[in-house]
C-alpha atoms as a PDB file:
ATOM      1  CA  MET A   1      -8.411  36.747 -16.088  1.00  0.00           C
ATOM      2  CA  ASP A   2     -10.681  35.501 -18.900  1.00  0.00           C
ATOM      3  CA  ARG A   3      -8.647  37.430 -21.493  1.00  0.00           C
ATOM      4  CA  LEU A   4      -5.471  35.903 -20.103  1.00  0.00           C
ATOM      5  CA  ARG A   5      -6.907  32.363 -20.176  1.00  0.00           C
ATOM      6  CA  THR A   6      -8.081  32.852 -23.776  1.00  0.00           C
ATOM      7  CA  LEU A   7      -4.674  34.167 -24.828  1.00  0.00           C
ATOM      8  CA  VAL A   8      -2.771  31.287 -23.180  1.00  0.00           C
ATOM      9  CA  LEU A   9      -5.107  28.667 -24.651  1.00  0.00           C
ATOM     10  CA  SER A  10      -4.812  30.201 -28.131  1.00  0.00           C
ATOM     11  CA  ASP A  11      -1.012  29.758 -28.090  1.00  0.00           C
ATOM     12  CA  ARG A  12       0.441  27.754 -25.212  1.00  0.00           C
ATOM     13  CA  ARG A  13       4.020  28.632 -26.165  1.00  0.00           C
ATOM     14  CA  LEU A  14       3.647  32.313 -25.282  1.00  0.00           C
ATOM     15  CA  GLY A  15       5.946  33.528 -22.529  1.00  0.00           C
ATOM     16  CA  VAL A  16       4.996  35.646 -19.542  1.00  0.00           C
ATOM     17  CA  THR A  17       6.644  38.739 -21.053  1.00  0.00           C
ATOM     18  CA  VAL A  18       4.695  38.469 -24.327  1.00  0.00           C
ATOM     19  CA  ILE A  19       1.414  37.919 -22.467  1.00  0.00           C
ATOM     20  CA  ALA A  20       2.109  40.871 -20.170  1.00  0.00           C
ATOM     21  CA  GLU A  21       2.822  43.168 -23.122  1.00  0.00           C
ATOM     22  CA  GLU A  22      -0.281  41.978 -24.977  1.00  0.00           C
ATOM     23  CA  LEU A  23      -2.591  42.604 -22.000  1.00  0.00           C
ATOM     24  CA  ASN A  24      -0.779  45.688 -20.625  1.00  0.00           C
ATOM     25  CA  MET A  25      -0.144  43.977 -17.284  1.00  0.00           C
ATOM     26  CA  SER A  26       2.958  43.457 -15.190  1.00  0.00           C
ATOM     27  CA  ARG A  27       4.887  40.210 -15.595  1.00  0.00           C
ATOM     28  CA  LYS A  28       4.512  39.486 -11.889  1.00  0.00           C
ATOM     29  CA  THR A  29       0.706  39.747 -12.107  1.00  0.00           C
ATOM     30  CA  VAL A  30       0.560  37.545 -15.226  1.00  0.00           C
ATOM     31  CA  ARG A  31       2.813  34.913 -13.629  1.00  0.00           C
ATOM     32  CA  GLN A  32       0.680  34.910 -10.464  1.00  0.00           C
ATOM     33  CA  ILE A  33      -2.608  34.531 -12.379  1.00  0.00           C
ATOM     34  CA  VAL A  34      -1.283  31.778 -14.652  1.00  0.00           C
ATOM     35  CA  LYS A  35       0.304  29.759 -11.848  1.00  0.00           C
ATOM     36  CA  GLU A  36      -2.057  30.303  -8.925  1.00  0.00           C
ATOM     37  CA  ASP A  37      -5.459  31.081 -10.426  1.00  0.00           C
ATOM     38  CA  LEU A  38      -5.278  28.995 -13.614  1.00  0.00           C
ATOM     39  CA  GLY A  39      -3.043  26.302 -12.060  1.00  0.00           C
ATOM     40  CA  MET A  40      -0.722  26.082 -15.062  1.00  0.00           C
ATOM     41  CA  ARG A  41       3.022  25.427 -15.372  1.00  0.00           C
ATOM     42  CA  LYS A  42       5.451  25.310 -18.291  1.00  0.00           C
ATOM     43  CA  PHE A  43       6.501  21.868 -19.520  1.00  0.00           C
ATOM     44  CA  SER A  44       8.897  20.801 -22.235  1.00  0.00           C
ATOM     45  CA  ALA A  45       7.872  18.188 -24.759  1.00  0.00           C
ATOM     46  CA  LYS A  46       8.969  14.671 -23.874  1.00  0.00           C
ATOM     47  CA  MET A  47      11.003  12.874 -26.523  1.00  0.00           C
ATOM     48  CA  VAL A  48       9.565   9.444 -27.267  1.00  0.00           C
ATOM     49  CA  PRO A  49      12.323   6.949 -28.120  1.00  0.00           C
ATOM     50  CA  ARG A  50      11.683   4.081 -30.421  1.00  0.00           C
ATOM     51  CA  ILE A  51      13.441   0.791 -31.050  1.00  0.00           C
ATOM     52  CA  LEU A  52      15.747   0.910 -34.052  1.00  0.00           C
ATOM     53  CA  THR A  53      17.095  -1.952 -36.143  1.00  0.00           C
ATOM     54  CA  HIS A  54      20.847  -2.235 -36.743  1.00  0.00           C
ATOM     55  CA  ASP A  55      20.499  -0.689 -40.233  1.00  0.00           C
ATOM     56  CA  GLU A  56      18.435   2.219 -38.871  1.00  0.00           C
ATOM     57  CA  LYS A  57      21.060   2.827 -36.153  1.00  0.00           C
ATOM     58  CA  GLN A  58      23.837   2.932 -38.761  1.00  0.00           C
ATOM     59  CA  ARG A  59      21.836   5.284 -41.004  1.00  0.00           C
ATOM     60  CA  ARG A  60      21.105   7.518 -38.002  1.00  0.00           C
ATOM     61  CA  LEU A  61      24.810   7.555 -37.078  1.00  0.00           C
ATOM     62  CA  HIS A  62      25.813   8.672 -40.590  1.00  0.00           C
ATOM     63  CA  ILE A  63      23.105  11.347 -40.765  1.00  0.00           C
ATOM     64  CA  SER A  64      23.960  12.651 -37.288  1.00  0.00           C
ATOM     65  CA  SER A  65      27.662  12.841 -38.153  1.00  0.00           C
ATOM     66  CA  ALA A  66      26.880  14.823 -41.302  1.00  0.00           C
ATOM     67  CA  LEU A  67      24.616  17.199 -39.394  1.00  0.00           C
ATOM     68  CA  LEU A  68      27.227  17.833 -36.719  1.00  0.00           C
ATOM     69  CA  ARG A  69      29.659  18.956 -39.395  1.00  0.00           C
ATOM     70  CA  SER A  70      27.228  21.526 -40.765  1.00  0.00           C
ATOM     71  CA  ALA A  71      26.217  24.751 -39.022  1.00  0.00           C
ATOM     72  CA  GLU A  72      22.491  24.305 -39.759  1.00  0.00           C
ATOM     73  CA  ILE A  73      21.991  22.248 -36.625  1.00  0.00           C
ATOM     74  CA  PHE A  74      22.141  25.442 -34.549  1.00  0.00           C
ATOM     75  CA  ASP A  75      19.136  26.978 -36.354  1.00  0.00           C
ATOM     76  CA  ARG A  76      16.552  24.604 -34.867  1.00  0.00           C
ATOM     77  CA  GLU A  77      14.006  25.327 -32.129  1.00  0.00           C
ATOM     78  CA  THR A  78      15.391  25.359 -28.598  1.00  0.00           C
ATOM     79  CA  LYS A  79      13.875  23.452 -25.706  1.00  0.00           C
ATOM     80  CA  ARG A  80      12.795  26.718 -24.051  1.00  0.00           C
ATOM     81  CA  GLN A  81      11.008  27.853 -27.236  1.00  0.00           C
ATOM     82  CA  SER A  82       9.037  24.599 -27.425  1.00  0.00           C
ATOM     83  CA  MET A  83       7.717  24.813 -23.851  1.00  0.00           C
ATOM     84  CA  GLN A  84       3.929  25.047 -23.418  1.00  0.00           C
ATOM     85  CA  TRP A  85       1.559  25.974 -20.598  1.00  0.00           C
ATOM     86  CA  LYS A  86      -0.278  22.979 -19.135  1.00  0.00           C
ATOM     87  CA  THR A  87      -2.620  22.399 -16.201  1.00  0.00           C
ATOM     88  CA  GLN A  88      -1.909  19.735 -13.570  1.00  0.00           C
ATOM     89  CA  ASN A  89      -4.461  17.357 -15.083  1.00  0.00           C
ATOM     90  CA  SER A  90      -3.427  17.716 -18.728  1.00  0.00           C
ATOM     91  CA  LEU A  91      -0.981  15.319 -20.355  1.00  0.00           C
ATOM     92  CA  ARG A  92       2.615  16.295 -21.035  1.00  0.00           C
ATOM     93  CA  PRO A  93       3.148  17.300 -24.678  1.00  0.00           C
ATOM     94  CA  LYS A  94       5.009  14.821 -26.876  1.00  0.00           C
ATOM     95  CA  LYS A  95       7.303  15.680 -29.714  1.00  0.00           C
ATOM     96  CA  ALA A  96       7.806  12.991 -32.370  1.00  0.00           C
ATOM     97  CA  LEU A  97      11.335  12.126 -33.357  1.00  0.00           C
ATOM     98  CA  MET A  98      11.923  13.119 -36.931  1.00  0.00           C
ATOM     99  CA  SER A  99      12.962  10.334 -39.263  1.00  0.00           C
ATOM    100  CA  ARG A 100      13.811  10.214 -42.920  1.00  0.00           C
ATOM    101  CA  SER A 101      10.911   9.049 -45.071  1.00  0.00           C
END
């Protein structure tokens, strides 16, 4: 259980399958230890909106339209890939909205 806790805390994005393979345990056992003994669940990062001016909204509209026309938008990280293990008492992770500098 200590090895499992250390592994999860070293990289909170690891899935049950990866952890099970790393520790030579069954997925069912890993899931049970993480959820029941360590009291952890997977959470997705919460997007934090911000207030935009009219010019920023227009710029964002143009950039978004250009991105939708290109195929690169499909190469980004999925919501499932960004999920992390958290305890009940820990805060939900936050992901900053990317903006042009």
